[in-house]
Amino acid sequence: MPALSNHEIAARLLTLPDWQLEAGELVRVYQFSDFRSALSFVNRVGELAEEAGHHPDIDIRYSRVRLSLVTHDASGLTEKDFDLASRADRLA
């Protein structure tokens, strides 16, 4: 899957207002009420990632979860990243 152009990335970011670009990666921090809720979210994202064959970097800090997405083999962001970001948002 080819990497998206800067123009394509900017257009797709408009559909995911809580996500931002950080060092070439698509990033979002989710806030939950407690650790159990955050961990449940991480487990559900893990299931989505396995289904998609596309795995985010995940950082969990008590009730906060940070997801970052990039398609390493494309050396940039692809449709896979935006699709998984959108699916994660629906879970939250």
PDB file of N, CA and C in Angstrom:
ATOM      1  N   MET A   1       0.849  -1.170   0.000  1.00  0.00           N
ATOM      2  CA  MET A   1       0.000   0.000   0.000  1.00  0.00           C
ATOM      3  C   MET A   1       0.899   1.240   0.000  1.00  0.00           C
ATOM      4  N   PRO A   2       0.661   2.162  -0.918  1.00  0.00           N
ATOM      5  CA  PRO A   2       1.542   3.335  -1.011  1.00  0.00           C
ATOM      6  C   PRO A   2       1.272   4.362   0.097  1.00  0.00           C
ATOM      7  N   ALA A   3       2.319   5.093   0.438  1.00  0.00           N
ATOM      8  CA  ALA A   3       2.181   6.183   1.409  1.00  0.00           C
ATOM      9  C   ALA A   3       1.336   7.297   0.805  1.00  0.00           C
ATOM     10  N   LEU A   4       0.558   7.950   1.654  1.00  0.00           N
ATOM     11  CA  LEU A   4      -0.273   9.069   1.211  1.00  0.00           C
ATOM     12  C   LEU A   4       0.573  10.335   1.065  1.00  0.00           C
ATOM     13  N   SER A   5       0.139  11.214   0.189  1.00  0.00           N
ATOM     14  CA  SER A   5       0.813  12.504   0.025  1.00  0.00           C
ATOM     15  C   SER A   5       0.437  13.411   1.198  1.00  0.00           C
ATOM     16  N   ASN A   6       1.167  14.490   1.364  1.00  0.00           N
ATOM     17  CA  ASN A   6       0.849  15.458   2.422  1.00  0.00           C
ATOM     18  C   ASN A   6      -0.559  16.014   2.260  1.00  0.00           C
ATOM     19  N   HIS A   7      -0.959  16.257   1.029  1.00  0.00           N
ATOM     20  CA  HIS A   7      -2.310  16.763   0.753  1.00  0.00           C
ATOM     21  C   HIS A   7      -3.367  15.736   1.168  1.00  0.00           C
ATOM     22  N   GLU A   8      -3.146  14.478   0.835  1.00  0.00           N
ATOM     23  CA  GLU A   8      -4.090  13.419   1.204  1.00  0.00           C
ATOM     24  C   GLU A   8      -4.165  13.258   2.723  1.00  0.00           C
ATOM     25  N   ILE A   9      -3.024  13.346   3.389  1.00  0.00           N
ATOM     26  CA  ILE A   9      -2.995  13.243   4.851  1.00  0.00           C
ATOM     27  C   ILE A   9      -3.786  14.385   5.480  1.00  0.00           C
ATOM     28  N   ALA A  10      -3.565  15.599   5.002  1.00  0.00           N
ATOM     29  CA  ALA A  10      -4.286  16.763   5.539  1.00  0.00           C
ATOM     30  C   ALA A  10      -5.793  16.604   5.361  1.00  0.00           C
ATOM     31  N   ALA A  11      -6.221  16.101   4.219  1.00  0.00           N
ATOM     32  CA  ALA A  11      -7.656  15.899   3.970  1.00  0.00           C
ATOM     33  C   ALA A  11      -8.227  14.844   4.912  1.00  0.00           C
ATOM     34  N   ARG A  12      -7.499  13.780   5.130  1.00  0.00           N
ATOM     35  CA  ARG A  12      -7.989  12.708   6.007  1.00  0.00           C
ATOM     36  C   ARG A  12      -7.994  13.132   7.476  1.00  0.00           C
ATOM     37  N   LEU A  13      -7.050  13.972   7.855  1.00  0.00           N
ATOM     38  CA  LEU A  13      -7.031  14.473   9.235  1.00  0.00           C
ATOM     39  C   LEU A  13      -8.281  15.289   9.560  1.00  0.00           C
ATOM     40  N   LEU A  14      -8.881  15.911   8.566  1.00  0.00           N
ATOM     41  CA  LEU A  14     -10.113  16.669   8.787  1.00  0.00           C
ATOM     42  C   LEU A  14     -11.249  15.764   9.259  1.00  0.00           C
ATOM     43  N   THR A  15     -11.193  14.496   8.904  1.00  0.00           N
ATOM     44  CA  THR A  15     -12.236  13.552   9.310  1.00  0.00           C
ATOM     45  C   THR A  15     -11.951  12.936  10.679  1.00  0.00           C
ATOM     46  N   LEU A  16     -10.753  13.170  11.211  1.00  0.00           N
ATOM     47  CA  LEU A  16     -10.350  12.634  12.519  1.00  0.00           C
ATOM     48  C   LEU A  16      -9.801  13.777  13.377  1.00  0.00           C
ATOM     49  N   PRO A  17     -10.669  14.671  13.840  1.00  0.00           N
ATOM     50  CA  PRO A  17     -10.205  15.895  14.496  1.00  0.00           C
ATOM     51  C   PRO A  17      -9.418  15.692  15.786  1.00  0.00           C
ATOM     52  N   ASP A  18      -9.549  14.548  16.440  1.00  0.00           N
ATOM     53  CA  ASP A  18      -8.818  14.313  17.689  1.00  0.00           C
ATOM     54  C   ASP A  18      -7.430  13.722  17.463  1.00  0.00           C
ATOM     55  N   TRP A  19      -7.098  13.441  16.217  1.00  0.00           N
ATOM     56  CA  TRP A  19      -5.792  12.882  15.865  1.00  0.00           C
ATOM     57  C   TRP A  19      -4.896  14.004  15.345  1.00  0.00           C
ATOM     58  N   GLN A  20      -3.603  13.819  15.510  1.00  0.00           N
ATOM     59  CA  GLN A  20      -2.651  14.800  14.989  1.00  0.00           C
ATOM     60  C   GLN A  20      -1.404  14.098  14.474  1.00  0.00           C
ATOM     61  N   LEU A  21      -0.636  14.843  13.707  1.00  0.00           N
ATOM     62  CA  LEU A  21       0.643  14.336  13.223  1.00  0.00           C
ATOM     63  C   LEU A  21       1.736  14.683  14.214  1.00  0.00           C
ATOM     64  N   GLU A  22       2.536  13.679  14.553  1.00  0.00           N
ATOM     65  CA  GLU A  22       3.705  13.885  15.407  1.00  0.00           C
ATOM     66  C   GLU A  22       4.841  13.066  14.811  1.00  0.00           C
ATOM     67  N   ALA A  23       5.860  13.756  14.353  1.00  0.00           N
ATOM     68  CA  ALA A  23       7.049  13.086  13.792  1.00  0.00           C
ATOM     69  C   ALA A  23       6.672  12.054  12.727  1.00  0.00           C
ATOM     70  N   GLY A  24       5.725  12.420  11.860  1.00  0.00           N
ATOM     71  CA  GLY A  24       5.344  11.540  10.758  1.00  0.00           C
ATOM     72  C   GLY A  24       4.392  10.424  11.139  1.00  0.00           C
ATOM     73  N   GLU A  25       3.902  10.422  12.383  1.00  0.00           N
ATOM     74  CA  GLU A  25       2.971   9.397  12.828  1.00  0.00           C
ATOM     75  C   GLU A  25       1.620  10.019  13.151  1.00  0.00           C
ATOM     76  N   LEU A  26       0.586   9.227  13.022  1.00  0.00           N
ATOM     77  CA  LEU A  26      -0.764   9.624  13.380  1.00  0.00           C
ATOM     78  C   LEU A  26      -0.955   9.271  14.853  1.00  0.00           C
ATOM     79  N   VAL A  27      -1.282  10.271  15.695  1.00  0.00           N
ATOM     80  CA  VAL A  27      -1.284  10.078  17.149  1.00  0.00           C
ATOM     81  C   VAL A  27      -2.567  10.613  17.774  1.00  0.00           C
ATOM     82  N   ARG A  28      -3.048   9.862  18.769  1.00  0.00           N
ATOM     83  CA  ARG A  28      -4.170  10.333  19.590  1.00  0.00           C
ATOM     84  C   ARG A  28      -3.996   9.813  21.016  1.00  0.00           C
ATOM     85  N   VAL A  29      -4.393  10.634  21.967  1.00  0.00           N
ATOM     86  CA  VAL A  29      -4.432  10.228  23.372  1.00  0.00           C
ATOM     87  C   VAL A  29      -5.895  10.147  23.783  1.00  0.00           C
ATOM     88  N   TYR A  30      -6.267   8.996  24.335  1.00  0.00           N
ATOM     89  CA  TYR A  30      -7.619   8.778  24.850  1.00  0.00           C
ATOM     90  C   TYR A  30      -7.566   8.839  26.366  1.00  0.00           C
ATOM     91  N   GLN A  31      -8.583   9.427  26.966  1.00  0.00           N
ATOM     92  CA  GLN A  31      -8.682   9.512  28.424  1.00  0.00           C
ATOM     93  C   GLN A  31      -9.876   8.683  28.883  1.00  0.00           C
ATOM     94  N   PHE A  32      -9.643   7.811  29.858  1.00  0.00           N
ATOM     95  CA  PHE A  32     -10.702   6.965  30.399  1.00  0.00           C
ATOM     96  C   PHE A  32     -10.874   7.244  31.889  1.00  0.00           C
ATOM     97  N   SER A  33     -11.904   6.688  32.482  1.00  0.00           N
ATOM     98  CA  SER A  33     -12.194   6.963  33.887  1.00  0.00           C
ATOM     99  C   SER A  33     -11.253   6.239  34.844  1.00  0.00           C
ATOM    100  N   ASP A  34     -10.695   5.113  34.401  1.00  0.00           N
ATOM    101  CA  ASP A  34      -9.816   4.343  35.281  1.00  0.00           C
ATOM    102  C   ASP A  34      -8.963   3.377  34.447  1.00  0.00           C
ATOM    103  N   PHE A  35      -8.077   2.676  35.128  1.00  0.00           N
ATOM    104  CA  PHE A  35      -7.165   1.747  34.461  1.00  0.00           C
ATOM    105  C   PHE A  35      -7.921   0.612  33.781  1.00  0.00           C
ATOM    106  N   ARG A  36      -8.914   0.073  34.451  1.00  0.00           N
ATOM    107  CA  ARG A  36      -9.680  -1.050  33.890  1.00  0.00           C
ATOM    108  C   ARG A  36     -10.309  -0.670  32.543  1.00  0.00           C
ATOM    109  N   SER A  37     -10.874   0.518  32.456  1.00  0.00           N
ATOM    110  CA  SER A  37     -11.481   0.985  31.202  1.00  0.00           C
ATOM    111  C   SER A  37     -10.429   1.185  30.119  1.00  0.00           C
ATOM    112  N   ALA A  38      -9.302   1.744  30.504  1.00  0.00           N
ATOM    113  CA  ALA A  38      -8.211   1.954  29.547  1.00  0.00           C
ATOM    114  C   ALA A  38      -7.695   0.615  29.021  1.00  0.00           C
ATOM    115  N   LEU A  39      -7.527  -0.338  29.911  1.00  0.00           N
ATOM    116  CA  LEU A  39      -7.023  -1.652  29.515  1.00  0.00           C
ATOM    117  C   LEU A  39      -8.018  -2.376  28.616  1.00  0.00           C
ATOM    118  N   SER A  40      -9.294  -2.241  28.918  1.00  0.00           N
ATOM    119  CA  SER A  40     -10.325  -2.846  28.064  1.00  0.00           C
ATOM    120  C   SER A  40     -10.245  -2.277  26.649  1.00  0.00           C
ATOM    121  N   PHE A  41     -10.089  -0.967  26.550  1.00  0.00           N
ATOM    122  CA  PHE A  41      -9.944  -0.321  25.243  1.00  0.00           C
ATOM    123  C   PHE A  41      -8.720  -0.856  24.505  1.00  0.00           C
ATOM    124  N   VAL A  42      -7.598  -0.958  25.208  1.00  0.00           N
ATOM    125  CA  VAL A  42      -6.364  -1.462  24.587  1.00  0.00           C
ATOM    126  C   VAL A  42      -6.582  -2.880  24.059  1.00  0.00           C
ATOM    127  N   ASN A  43      -7.252  -3.716  24.819  1.00  0.00           N
ATOM    128  CA  ASN A  43      -7.506  -5.086  24.371  1.00  0.00           C
ATOM    129  C   ASN A  43      -8.392  -5.115  23.127  1.00  0.00           C
ATOM    130  N   ARG A  44      -9.392  -4.243  23.072  1.00  0.00           N
ATOM    131  CA  ARG A  44     -10.270  -4.196  21.892  1.00  0.00           C
ATOM    132  C   ARG A  44      -9.515  -3.652  20.676  1.00  0.00           C
ATOM    133  N   VAL A  45      -8.651  -2.648  20.889  1.00  0.00           N
ATOM    134  CA  VAL A  45      -7.821  -2.149  19.784  1.00  0.00           C
ATOM    135  C   VAL A  45      -6.888  -3.254  19.300  1.00  0.00           C
ATOM    136  N   GLY A  46      -6.359  -4.024  20.230  1.00  0.00           N
ATOM    137  CA  GLY A  46      -5.497  -5.146  19.857  1.00  0.00           C
ATOM    138  C   GLY A  46      -6.204  -6.143  18.961  1.00  0.00           C
ATOM    139  N   GLU A  47      -7.464  -6.416  19.250  1.00  0.00           N
ATOM    140  CA  GLU A  47      -8.241  -7.326  18.406  1.00  0.00           C
ATOM    141  C   GLU A  47      -8.422  -6.752  17.001  1.00  0.00           C
ATOM    142  N   LEU A  48      -8.743  -5.458  16.928  1.00  0.00           N
ATOM    143  CA  LEU A  48      -8.869  -4.803  15.615  1.00  0.00           C
ATOM    144  C   LEU A  48      -7.555  -4.872  14.847  1.00  0.00           C
ATOM    145  N   ALA A  49      -6.468  -4.603  15.548  1.00  0.00           N
ATOM    146  CA  ALA A  49      -5.151  -4.595  14.915  1.00  0.00           C
ATOM    147  C   ALA A  49      -4.803  -5.978  14.365  1.00  0.00           C
ATOM    148  N   GLU A  50      -5.106  -7.007  15.122  1.00  0.00           N
ATOM    149  CA  GLU A  50      -4.846  -8.365  14.648  1.00  0.00           C
ATOM    150  C   GLU A  50      -5.671  -8.669  13.401  1.00  0.00           C
ATOM    151  N   GLU A  51      -6.946  -8.294  13.428  1.00  0.00           N
ATOM    152  CA  GLU A  51      -7.811  -8.508  12.255  1.00  0.00           C
ATOM    153  C   GLU A  51      -7.265  -7.794  11.028  1.00  0.00           C
ATOM    154  N   ALA A  52      -6.770  -6.564  11.236  1.00  0.00           N
ATOM    155  CA  ALA A  52      -6.286  -5.743  10.120  1.00  0.00           C
ATOM    156  C   ALA A  52      -4.860  -6.094   9.717  1.00  0.00           C
ATOM    157  N   GLY A  53      -4.140  -6.814  10.569  1.00  0.00           N
ATOM    158  CA  GLY A  53      -2.728  -7.083  10.288  1.00  0.00           C
ATOM    159  C   GLY A  53      -1.915  -5.802  10.306  1.00  0.00           C
ATOM    160  N   HIS A  54      -2.331  -4.876  11.148  1.00  0.00           N
ATOM    161  CA  HIS A  54      -1.682  -3.564  11.228  1.00  0.00           C
ATOM    162  C   HIS A  54      -1.695  -3.130  12.693  1.00  0.00           C
ATOM    163  N   HIS A  55      -0.536  -2.936  13.275  1.00  0.00           N
ATOM    164  CA  HIS A  55      -0.431  -2.792  14.721  1.00  0.00           C
ATOM    165  C   HIS A  55       0.095  -1.422  15.141  1.00  0.00           C
ATOM    166  N   PRO A  56      -0.663  -0.731  15.988  1.00  0.00           N
ATOM    167  CA  PRO A  56      -0.227   0.582  16.482  1.00  0.00           C
ATOM    168  C   PRO A  56       0.787   0.422  17.610  1.00  0.00           C
ATOM    169  N   ASP A  57       1.522   1.469  17.858  1.00  0.00           N
ATOM    170  CA  ASP A  57       2.284   1.548  19.102  1.00  0.00           C
ATOM    171  C   ASP A  57       1.295   2.014  20.153  1.00  0.00           C
ATOM    172  N   ILE A  58       1.310   1.357  21.305  1.00  0.00           N
ATOM    173  CA  ILE A  58       0.355   1.654  22.369  1.00  0.00           C
ATOM    174  C   ILE A  58       1.108   1.953  23.653  1.00  0.00           C
ATOM    175  N   ASP A  59       0.742   3.067  24.275  1.00  0.00           N
ATOM    176  CA  ASP A  59       1.306   3.447  25.568  1.00  0.00           C
ATOM    177  C   ASP A  59       0.137   3.665  26.521  1.00  0.00           C
ATOM    178  N   ILE A  60       0.113   2.893  27.601  1.00  0.00           N
ATOM    179  CA  ILE A  60      -0.974   3.037  28.566  1.00  0.00           C
ATOM    180  C   ILE A  60      -0.387   3.540  29.882  1.00  0.00           C
ATOM    181  N   ARG A  61      -0.975   4.606  30.399  1.00  0.00           N
ATOM    182  CA  ARG A  61      -0.552   5.229  31.657  1.00  0.00           C
ATOM    183  C   ARG A  61      -1.792   5.431  32.504  1.00  0.00           C
ATOM    184  N   TYR A  62      -2.062   4.495  33.367  1.00  0.00           N
ATOM    185  CA  TYR A  62      -3.241   4.458  34.223  1.00  0.00           C
ATOM    186  C   TYR A  62      -4.515   4.623  33.384  1.00  0.00           C
ATOM    187  N   SER A  63      -5.077   5.810  33.293  1.00  0.00           N
ATOM    188  CA  SER A  63      -6.342   5.982  32.577  1.00  0.00           C
ATOM    189  C   SER A  63      -6.169   6.641  31.207  1.00  0.00           C
ATOM    190  N   ARG A  64      -4.913   6.807  30.783  1.00  0.00           N
ATOM    191  CA  ARG A  64      -4.626   7.407  29.472  1.00  0.00           C
ATOM    192  C   ARG A  64      -4.026   6.370  28.546  1.00  0.00           C
ATOM    193  N   VAL A  65      -4.475   6.394  27.301  1.00  0.00           N
ATOM    194  CA  VAL A  65      -3.926   5.505  26.276  1.00  0.00           C
ATOM    195  C   VAL A  65      -3.510   6.360  25.089  1.00  0.00           C
ATOM    196  N   ARG A  66      -2.265   6.194  24.678  1.00  0.00           N
ATOM    197  CA  ARG A  66      -1.744   6.894  23.499  1.00  0.00           C
ATOM    198  C   ARG A  66      -1.534   5.869  22.397  1.00  0.00           C
ATOM    199  N   LEU A  67      -2.175   6.110  21.259  1.00  0.00           N
ATOM    200  CA  LEU A  67      -1.972   5.274  20.078  1.00  0.00           C
ATOM    201  C   LEU A  67      -1.179   6.069  19.054  1.00  0.00           C
ATOM    202  N   SER A  68      -0.229   5.430  18.424  1.00  0.00           N
ATOM    203  CA  SER A  68       0.453   6.058  17.294  1.00  0.00           C
ATOM    204  C   SER A  68       0.515   5.044  16.157  1.00  0.00           C
ATOM    205  N   LEU A  69       0.250   5.553  14.976  1.00  0.00           N
ATOM    206  CA  LEU A  69       0.146   4.720  13.783  1.00  0.00           C
ATOM    207  C   LEU A  69       1.051   5.232  12.684  1.00  0.00           C
ATOM    208  N   VAL A  70       1.705   4.308  12.019  1.00  0.00           N
ATOM    209  CA  VAL A  70       2.482   4.584  10.812  1.00  0.00           C
ATOM    210  C   VAL A  70       2.683   3.241  10.115  1.00  0.00           C
ATOM    211  N   THR A  71       2.746   3.262   8.814  1.00  0.00           N
ATOM    212  CA  THR A  71       2.990   2.035   8.057  1.00  0.00           C
ATOM    213  C   THR A  71       4.478   1.999   7.723  1.00  0.00           C
ATOM    214  N   HIS A  72       5.211   1.249   8.522  1.00  0.00           N
ATOM    215  CA  HIS A  72       6.667   1.237   8.402  1.00  0.00           C
ATOM    216  C   HIS A  72       7.145   0.769   7.032  1.00  0.00           C
ATOM    217  N   ASP A  73       6.502  -0.259   6.473  1.00  0.00           N
ATOM    218  CA  ASP A  73       6.980  -0.761   5.181  1.00  0.00           C
ATOM    219  C   ASP A  73       6.675   0.188   4.030  1.00  0.00           C
ATOM    220  N   ALA A  74       5.811   1.190   4.251  1.00  0.00           N
ATOM    221  CA  ALA A  74       5.549   2.215   3.240  1.00  0.00           C
ATOM    222  C   ALA A  74       6.299   3.504   3.559  1.00  0.00           C
ATOM    223  N   SER A  75       6.993   3.510   4.683  1.00  0.00           N
ATOM    224  CA  SER A  75       7.739   4.700   5.132  1.00  0.00           C
ATOM    225  C   SER A  75       6.858   5.937   5.238  1.00  0.00           C
ATOM    226  N   GLY A  76       5.644   5.740   5.734  1.00  0.00           N
ATOM    227  CA  GLY A  76       4.735   6.873   5.897  1.00  0.00           C
ATOM    228  C   GLY A  76       3.347   6.420   6.288  1.00  0.00           C
ATOM    229  N   LEU A  77       2.420   7.338   6.205  1.00  0.00           N
ATOM    230  CA  LEU A  77       1.033   7.047   6.527  1.00  0.00           C
ATOM    231  C   LEU A  77       0.301   6.526   5.303  1.00  0.00           C
ATOM    232  N   THR A  78      -0.555   5.538   5.542  1.00  0.00           N
ATOM    233  CA  THR A  78      -1.348   4.945   4.463  1.00  0.00           C
ATOM    234  C   THR A  78      -2.811   4.887   4.892  1.00  0.00           C
ATOM    235  N   GLU A  79      -3.638   4.393   3.992  1.00  0.00           N
ATOM    236  CA  GLU A  79      -5.053   4.197   4.305  1.00  0.00           C
ATOM    237  C   GLU A  79      -5.222   3.294   5.519  1.00  0.00           C
ATOM    238  N   LYS A  80      -4.316   2.318   5.695  1.00  0.00           N
ATOM    239  CA  LYS A  80      -4.398   1.415   6.848  1.00  0.00           C
ATOM    240  C   LYS A  80      -4.387   2.196   8.158  1.00  0.00           C
ATOM    241  N   ASP A  81      -3.541   3.208   8.232  1.00  0.00           N
ATOM    242  CA  ASP A  81      -3.428   3.993   9.458  1.00  0.00           C
ATOM    243  C   ASP A  81      -4.715   4.745   9.753  1.00  0.00           C
ATOM    244  N   PHE A  82      -5.269   5.379   8.744  1.00  0.00           N
ATOM    245  CA  PHE A  82      -6.489   6.152   8.947  1.00  0.00           C
ATOM    246  C   PHE A  82      -7.688   5.249   9.214  1.00  0.00           C
ATOM    247  N   ASP A  83      -7.709   4.089   8.601  1.00  0.00           N
ATOM    248  CA  ASP A  83      -8.793   3.142   8.848  1.00  0.00           C
ATOM    249  C   ASP A  83      -8.744   2.649  10.296  1.00  0.00           C
ATOM    250  N   LEU A  84      -7.571   2.270  10.782  1.00  0.00           N
ATOM    251  CA  LEU A  84      -7.465   1.785  12.156  1.00  0.00           C
ATOM    252  C   LEU A  84      -7.756   2.911  13.154  1.00  0.00           C
ATOM    253  N   ALA A  85      -7.330   4.126  12.853  1.00  0.00           N
ATOM    254  CA  ALA A  85      -7.628   5.266  13.725  1.00  0.00           C
ATOM    255  C   ALA A  85      -9.142   5.479  13.833  1.00  0.00           C
ATOM    256  N   SER A  86      -9.828   5.415  12.725  1.00  0.00           N
ATOM    257  CA  SER A  86     -11.274   5.590  12.708  1.00  0.00           C
ATOM    258  C   SER A  86     -11.965   4.478  13.491  1.00  0.00           C
ATOM    259  N   ARG A  87     -11.501   3.273  13.335  1.00  0.00           N
ATOM    260  CA  ARG A  87     -12.098   2.138  14.044  1.00  0.00           C
ATOM    261  C   ARG A  87     -11.837   2.246  15.547  1.00  0.00           C
ATOM    262  N   ALA A  88     -10.661   2.713  15.939  1.00  0.00           N
ATOM    263  CA  ALA A  88     -10.347   2.918  17.360  1.00  0.00           C
ATOM    264  C   ALA A  88     -11.265   3.974  17.950  1.00  0.00           C
ATOM    265  N   ASP A  89     -11.507   5.046  17.209  1.00  0.00           N
ATOM    266  CA  ASP A  89     -12.414   6.095  17.684  1.00  0.00           C
ATOM    267  C   ASP A  89     -13.811   5.536  17.945  1.00  0.00           C
ATOM    268  N   ARG A  90     -14.278   4.669  17.082  1.00  0.00           N
ATOM    269  CA  ARG A  90     -15.616   4.086  17.269  1.00  0.00           C
ATOM    270  C   ARG A  90     -15.663   3.213  18.530  1.00  0.00           C
ATOM    271  N   LEU A  91     -14.558   2.590  18.886  1.00  0.00           N
ATOM    272  CA  LEU A  91     -14.499   1.793  20.106  1.00  0.00           C
ATOM    273  C   LEU A  91     -14.556   2.659  21.366  1.00  0.00           C
ATOM    274  N   ALA A  92     -13.902   3.800  21.288  1.00  0.00           N
ATOM    275  CA  ALA A  92     -13.806   4.664  22.470  1.00  0.00           C
ATOM    276  C   ALA A  92     -15.149   5.266  22.777  1.00  0.00           C
TER     277      ALA A  92
END
